[in-house]
N, C-alpha and C. Protein backbone atom coordinates (compact mmCIF):
# COMPACT_ATOMS: atom_id res chain seq x y z
N MET A 1 91.80 -23.23 -13.46
CA MET A 1 91.93 -23.84 -14.76
C MET A 1 93.20 -24.67 -14.83
N GLY A 2 93.11 -25.85 -15.45
CA GLY A 2 94.28 -26.70 -15.59
C GLY A 2 95.17 -26.24 -16.73
N ARG A 3 96.43 -26.48 -16.60
CA ARG A 3 97.35 -26.11 -17.67
C ARG A 3 97.33 -27.16 -18.76
N GLU A 4 97.21 -26.72 -20.00
CA GLU A 4 97.26 -27.62 -21.14
C GLU A 4 98.72 -27.90 -21.47
N THR A 5 99.05 -29.16 -21.65
CA THR A 5 100.42 -29.50 -22.00
C THR A 5 100.45 -30.12 -23.39
N VAL A 6 101.55 -29.90 -24.06
CA VAL A 6 101.74 -30.47 -25.39
C VAL A 6 102.26 -31.89 -25.21
N PRO A 7 101.65 -32.88 -25.87
CA PRO A 7 102.15 -34.25 -25.73
C PRO A 7 103.61 -34.34 -26.19
N SER A 8 104.38 -35.07 -25.42
CA SER A 8 105.79 -35.26 -25.72
C SER A 8 106.03 -36.72 -26.08
N PRO A 9 106.98 -37.00 -26.98
CA PRO A 9 107.29 -38.39 -27.31
C PRO A 9 107.79 -39.17 -26.10
N ASP A 10 108.27 -38.45 -25.08
CA ASP A 10 108.79 -39.11 -23.88
C ASP A 10 107.72 -39.40 -22.84
N ASP A 11 106.49 -38.94 -23.06
CA ASP A 11 105.41 -39.20 -22.11
C ASP A 11 105.24 -40.70 -21.93
N LEU A 12 104.98 -41.11 -20.70
CA LEU A 12 104.73 -42.53 -20.41
C LEU A 12 103.23 -42.77 -20.43
N LEU A 13 102.83 -43.81 -21.15
CA LEU A 13 101.42 -44.17 -21.28
C LEU A 13 101.18 -45.54 -20.67
N LEU A 14 100.04 -45.70 -20.03
CA LEU A 14 99.64 -47.00 -19.52
C LEU A 14 98.91 -47.76 -20.62
N LEU A 15 98.76 -49.05 -20.42
CA LEU A 15 98.13 -49.91 -21.42
C LEU A 15 96.75 -49.43 -21.86
N PRO A 16 95.86 -49.01 -20.94
CA PRO A 16 94.55 -48.51 -21.40
C PRO A 16 94.66 -47.26 -22.27
N GLU A 17 95.65 -46.42 -22.00
CA GLU A 17 95.85 -45.22 -22.83
C GLU A 17 96.33 -45.60 -24.24
N VAL A 18 97.22 -46.59 -24.31
CA VAL A 18 97.70 -47.06 -25.61
C VAL A 18 96.54 -47.71 -26.37
N ALA A 19 95.70 -48.45 -25.66
CA ALA A 19 94.53 -49.08 -26.29
C ALA A 19 93.61 -48.01 -26.88
N GLU A 20 93.44 -46.90 -26.19
CA GLU A 20 92.59 -45.82 -26.69
C GLU A 20 93.21 -45.19 -27.94
N ILE A 21 94.51 -44.96 -27.92
CA ILE A 21 95.19 -44.33 -29.06
C ILE A 21 95.16 -45.24 -30.28
N THR A 22 95.43 -46.54 -30.08
CA THR A 22 95.51 -47.47 -31.20
C THR A 22 94.15 -48.05 -31.58
N ARG A 23 93.15 -47.80 -30.76
CA ARG A 23 91.80 -48.34 -30.99
C ARG A 23 91.80 -49.86 -31.04
N ARG A 24 92.60 -50.42 -30.15
CA ARG A 24 92.65 -51.88 -29.98
C ARG A 24 92.32 -52.17 -28.52
N SER A 25 91.88 -53.37 -28.26
CA SER A 25 91.55 -53.70 -26.87
C SER A 25 92.83 -53.92 -26.07
N VAL A 26 92.69 -53.79 -24.77
CA VAL A 26 93.83 -54.03 -23.87
C VAL A 26 94.31 -55.47 -24.04
N ASP A 27 93.37 -56.41 -24.17
CA ASP A 27 93.75 -57.82 -24.34
C ASP A 27 94.54 -58.03 -25.63
N THR A 28 94.11 -57.38 -26.71
CA THR A 28 94.84 -57.51 -27.98
C THR A 28 96.26 -56.96 -27.84
N LEU A 29 96.39 -55.82 -27.18
CA LEU A 29 97.73 -55.25 -26.99
C LEU A 29 98.60 -56.15 -26.12
N ARG A 30 98.02 -56.78 -25.11
CA ARG A 30 98.79 -57.72 -24.28
C ARG A 30 99.26 -58.91 -25.13
N TRP A 31 98.37 -59.40 -25.99
CA TRP A 31 98.71 -60.54 -26.85
C TRP A 31 99.81 -60.14 -27.83
N LEU A 32 99.68 -58.96 -28.45
CA LEU A 32 100.71 -58.49 -29.38
C LEU A 32 102.05 -58.31 -28.66
N ARG A 33 102.00 -57.79 -27.45
CA ARG A 33 103.24 -57.61 -26.68
C ARG A 33 103.88 -58.96 -26.37
N HIS A 34 103.05 -59.93 -26.01
CA HIS A 34 103.55 -61.28 -25.72
C HIS A 34 104.25 -61.87 -26.95
N ARG A 35 103.69 -61.62 -28.13
CA ARG A 35 104.27 -62.15 -29.38
C ARG A 35 105.42 -61.30 -29.89
N GLY A 36 105.66 -60.14 -29.28
CA GLY A 36 106.73 -59.25 -29.72
C GLY A 36 106.35 -58.45 -30.96
N GLU A 37 105.05 -58.30 -31.24
CA GLU A 37 104.59 -57.62 -32.44
C GLU A 37 103.99 -56.25 -32.16
N GLY A 38 103.74 -55.92 -30.92
CA GLY A 38 103.12 -54.65 -30.58
C GLY A 38 104.15 -53.59 -30.30
N PRO A 39 103.69 -52.41 -29.89
CA PRO A 39 104.64 -51.36 -29.53
C PRO A 39 105.49 -51.81 -28.34
N GLN A 40 106.74 -51.40 -28.35
CA GLN A 40 107.66 -51.82 -27.29
C GLN A 40 107.36 -51.06 -25.99
N GLY A 41 107.08 -51.80 -24.95
CA GLY A 41 106.85 -51.22 -23.64
C GLY A 41 107.86 -51.80 -22.67
N PHE A 42 107.80 -51.35 -21.45
CA PHE A 42 108.69 -51.90 -20.42
C PHE A 42 107.98 -51.84 -19.08
N ARG A 43 108.46 -52.67 -18.17
CA ARG A 43 107.86 -52.72 -16.84
C ARG A 43 108.44 -51.61 -15.98
N MET A 44 107.54 -50.97 -15.27
CA MET A 44 107.92 -50.00 -14.26
C MET A 44 107.20 -50.44 -13.00
N GLY A 45 107.91 -51.18 -12.20
CA GLY A 45 107.25 -51.80 -11.06
C GLY A 45 106.36 -52.92 -11.57
N ARG A 46 105.08 -52.86 -11.21
CA ARG A 46 104.13 -53.89 -11.64
C ARG A 46 103.38 -53.51 -12.92
N ARG A 47 103.61 -52.32 -13.41
CA ARG A 47 102.87 -51.85 -14.58
C ARG A 47 103.74 -51.87 -15.83
N VAL A 48 103.07 -52.06 -16.95
CA VAL A 48 103.74 -51.95 -18.24
C VAL A 48 103.44 -50.55 -18.76
N VAL A 49 104.49 -49.85 -19.15
CA VAL A 49 104.33 -48.49 -19.68
C VAL A 49 104.95 -48.41 -21.07
N PHE A 50 104.50 -47.43 -21.82
CA PHE A 50 104.95 -47.23 -23.19
C PHE A 50 105.28 -45.76 -23.38
N ARG A 51 106.33 -45.48 -24.11
CA ARG A 51 106.64 -44.10 -24.47
C ARG A 51 105.72 -43.70 -25.63
N ARG A 52 105.16 -42.51 -25.56
CA ARG A 52 104.24 -42.03 -26.60
C ARG A 52 104.89 -42.09 -27.98
N GLY A 53 106.15 -41.68 -28.08
CA GLY A 53 106.85 -41.69 -29.36
C GLY A 53 106.98 -43.09 -29.94
N VAL A 54 107.20 -44.09 -29.09
CA VAL A 54 107.32 -45.47 -29.55
C VAL A 54 105.97 -45.96 -30.09
N VAL A 55 104.90 -45.59 -29.40
CA VAL A 55 103.56 -46.00 -29.84
C VAL A 55 103.23 -45.35 -31.19
N MET A 56 103.54 -44.06 -31.32
CA MET A 56 103.24 -43.36 -32.57
C MET A 56 104.09 -43.91 -33.72
N GLU A 57 105.33 -44.27 -33.45
CA GLU A 57 106.18 -44.86 -34.48
C GLU A 57 105.66 -46.24 -34.87
N TRP A 58 105.16 -47.01 -33.91
CA TRP A 58 104.60 -48.33 -34.20
C TRP A 58 103.38 -48.19 -35.12
N ILE A 59 102.54 -47.18 -34.85
CA ILE A 59 101.38 -46.93 -35.70
C ILE A 59 101.84 -46.58 -37.11
N ALA A 60 102.85 -45.72 -37.22
CA ALA A 60 103.37 -45.32 -38.54
C ALA A 60 103.96 -46.54 -39.27
N GLN A 61 104.61 -47.41 -38.53
CA GLN A 61 105.18 -48.63 -39.13
C GLN A 61 104.07 -49.53 -39.66
N GLN A 62 102.98 -49.65 -38.91
CA GLN A 62 101.85 -50.46 -39.36
C GLN A 62 101.28 -49.89 -40.66
N GLU A 63 101.20 -48.56 -40.73
CA GLU A 63 100.68 -47.92 -41.93
C GLU A 63 101.60 -48.17 -43.12
N ARG A 64 102.93 -48.05 -42.91
CA ARG A 64 103.88 -48.29 -44.00
C ARG A 64 103.77 -49.72 -44.50
N GLU A 65 103.66 -50.68 -43.59
CA GLU A 65 103.55 -52.09 -43.98
C GLU A 65 102.26 -52.36 -44.73
N GLN A 66 101.19 -51.72 -44.31
CA GLN A 66 99.90 -51.92 -44.98
C GLN A 66 99.92 -51.38 -46.40
N ARG A 67 100.52 -50.22 -46.58
CA ARG A 67 100.55 -49.61 -47.91
C ARG A 67 101.45 -50.40 -48.83
N GLY A 68 102.63 -50.72 -48.42
CA GLY A 68 103.55 -51.55 -49.19
C GLY A 68 103.66 -51.20 -50.65
N GLY A 69 103.40 -49.96 -51.03
CA GLY A 69 103.51 -49.55 -52.43
C GLY A 69 102.35 -50.00 -53.29
N ARG A 70 101.33 -50.64 -52.69
CA ARG A 70 100.21 -51.14 -53.48
C ARG A 70 99.08 -50.13 -53.62
N ASP A 71 99.15 -49.02 -52.90
CA ASP A 71 98.09 -48.03 -52.95
C ASP A 71 98.15 -47.27 -54.26
N PRO A 72 97.14 -47.41 -55.12
CA PRO A 72 97.20 -46.76 -56.43
C PRO A 72 97.17 -45.23 -56.34
N LEU A 73 96.68 -44.69 -55.25
CA LEU A 73 96.62 -43.24 -55.10
C LEU A 73 97.80 -42.69 -54.31
N ALA A 74 98.75 -43.55 -53.96
CA ALA A 74 99.92 -43.09 -53.21
C ALA A 74 100.77 -42.18 -54.09
N LEU A 75 101.45 -41.24 -53.46
CA LEU A 75 102.33 -40.35 -54.20
C LEU A 75 103.50 -41.14 -54.77
N PRO A 76 104.08 -40.68 -55.87
CA PRO A 76 105.22 -41.38 -56.46
C PRO A 76 106.37 -41.52 -55.46
N PRO A 77 107.11 -42.64 -55.50
CA PRO A 77 108.18 -42.85 -54.52
C PRO A 77 109.32 -41.86 -54.67
N ASP A 78 109.49 -41.23 -55.84
CA ASP A 78 110.58 -40.27 -56.01
C ASP A 78 110.20 -38.88 -55.49
N LEU A 79 109.00 -38.73 -54.96
CA LEU A 79 108.58 -37.46 -54.40
C LEU A 79 109.24 -37.29 -53.03
N PRO A 80 109.92 -36.17 -52.77
CA PRO A 80 110.59 -35.98 -51.48
C PRO A 80 109.59 -35.95 -50.33
N ARG A 81 110.08 -36.24 -49.15
CA ARG A 81 109.25 -36.21 -47.95
C ARG A 81 108.80 -34.78 -47.67
N THR A 82 107.71 -34.63 -46.92
CA THR A 82 107.14 -33.32 -46.64
C THR A 82 108.14 -32.38 -45.98
N HIS A 83 108.86 -32.85 -44.97
CA HIS A 83 109.79 -31.95 -44.28
C HIS A 83 110.91 -31.49 -45.20
N GLU A 84 111.30 -32.33 -46.18
CA GLU A 84 112.33 -31.92 -47.13
C GLU A 84 111.77 -30.87 -48.08
N VAL A 85 110.52 -31.04 -48.48
CA VAL A 85 109.89 -30.09 -49.40
C VAL A 85 109.77 -28.73 -48.73
N LEU A 86 109.37 -28.73 -47.48
CA LEU A 86 109.15 -27.46 -46.80
C LEU A 86 110.43 -26.70 -46.51
N THR A 87 111.57 -27.35 -46.57
CA THR A 87 112.82 -26.67 -46.24
C THR A 87 113.64 -26.31 -47.46
N SER A 88 113.21 -26.69 -48.64
CA SER A 88 114.01 -26.42 -49.83
C SER A 88 113.13 -25.91 -50.97
N PRO A 89 113.35 -24.65 -51.40
CA PRO A 89 112.54 -24.12 -52.50
C PRO A 89 112.69 -24.92 -53.80
N SER A 90 113.90 -25.38 -54.09
CA SER A 90 114.08 -26.14 -55.34
C SER A 90 113.36 -27.48 -55.26
N LEU A 91 113.38 -28.12 -54.10
CA LEU A 91 112.64 -29.38 -53.94
C LEU A 91 111.14 -29.12 -54.04
N LEU A 92 110.70 -27.98 -53.53
CA LEU A 92 109.29 -27.65 -53.60
C LEU A 92 108.85 -27.53 -55.06
N ARG A 93 109.63 -26.84 -55.87
CA ARG A 93 109.28 -26.69 -57.29
C ARG A 93 109.26 -28.04 -58.00
N SER A 94 110.29 -28.86 -57.78
CA SER A 94 110.34 -30.16 -58.46
C SER A 94 109.23 -31.08 -57.96
N SER A 95 108.90 -30.99 -56.68
CA SER A 95 107.82 -31.81 -56.14
C SER A 95 106.48 -31.42 -56.73
N LEU A 96 106.26 -30.13 -56.88
CA LEU A 96 105.00 -29.69 -57.47
C LEU A 96 104.89 -30.15 -58.92
N CYS A 97 106.01 -30.11 -59.66
CA CYS A 97 105.99 -30.60 -61.05
C CYS A 97 105.65 -32.08 -61.09
N LEU A 98 106.29 -32.87 -60.22
CA LEU A 98 106.02 -34.31 -60.17
C LEU A 98 104.56 -34.56 -59.79
N LEU A 99 104.08 -33.81 -58.82
CA LEU A 99 102.71 -34.00 -58.37
C LEU A 99 101.73 -33.64 -59.48
N ARG A 100 101.99 -32.56 -60.20
CA ARG A 100 101.10 -32.18 -61.30
C ARG A 100 101.06 -33.26 -62.37
N ARG A 101 102.25 -33.78 -62.73
CA ARG A 101 102.29 -34.83 -63.75
C ARG A 101 101.55 -36.07 -63.28
N SER A 102 101.80 -36.45 -62.03
CA SER A 102 101.17 -37.65 -61.47
C SER A 102 99.66 -37.49 -61.40
N THR A 103 99.21 -36.34 -60.92
CA THR A 103 97.78 -36.09 -60.77
C THR A 103 97.11 -35.99 -62.14
N ALA A 104 97.76 -35.33 -63.08
CA ALA A 104 97.17 -35.18 -64.41
C ALA A 104 96.98 -36.54 -65.06
N GLY A 105 97.95 -37.44 -64.89
CA GLY A 105 97.83 -38.78 -65.46
C GLY A 105 96.68 -39.55 -64.83
N ARG A 106 96.53 -39.44 -63.52
CA ARG A 106 95.44 -40.14 -62.83
C ARG A 106 94.09 -39.59 -63.26
N LEU A 107 94.01 -38.26 -63.35
CA LEU A 107 92.74 -37.65 -63.73
C LEU A 107 92.36 -38.01 -65.16
N ALA A 108 93.33 -38.02 -66.05
CA ALA A 108 93.04 -38.37 -67.45
C ALA A 108 92.58 -39.82 -67.55
N ALA A 109 93.17 -40.70 -66.75
CA ALA A 109 92.80 -42.11 -66.77
C ALA A 109 91.40 -42.33 -66.23
N ARG A 110 90.96 -41.48 -65.30
CA ARG A 110 89.66 -41.67 -64.67
C ARG A 110 88.53 -41.03 -65.44
N SER A 111 88.78 -39.92 -66.11
CA SER A 111 87.68 -39.19 -66.74
C SER A 111 87.32 -39.83 -68.08
N PRO A 112 86.02 -39.81 -68.43
CA PRO A 112 85.61 -40.37 -69.72
C PRO A 112 86.15 -39.50 -70.85
N ALA A 113 86.26 -40.09 -72.00
CA ALA A 113 86.80 -39.36 -73.16
C ALA A 113 85.88 -38.20 -73.48
N HIS A 114 86.48 -37.05 -73.66
CA HIS A 114 85.71 -35.84 -73.97
C HIS A 114 85.55 -35.72 -75.48
N GLU A 115 84.32 -35.71 -75.91
CA GLU A 115 84.06 -35.62 -77.36
C GLU A 115 83.59 -34.22 -77.69
N PRO A 116 84.13 -33.60 -78.77
CA PRO A 116 83.73 -32.23 -79.14
C PRO A 116 82.35 -32.17 -79.75
């Protein structure tokens, strides 16, 4: 049986592996790299390799740029990040209050008026 390994941000990925992760073609990734818009890779001999962490950060950056605060269902910007919430009980309480207020407002706006 082969040993299962946990992916590390330092793992080196080849272009076809990055294409599989990003669901883009190898040609598209080459074009993006040429324009300086894709994940940062480097040459190792004749091959271009990418660090897994760099690829994952590039994906996260694309998501942040796409959302740009225009997503109506996005959490309020004053809501702390998940890792901050999980490490602080007081932040957890305040985050839950903010989330309840935010969700209650959205639900009230979406539901039809309740008539007695």
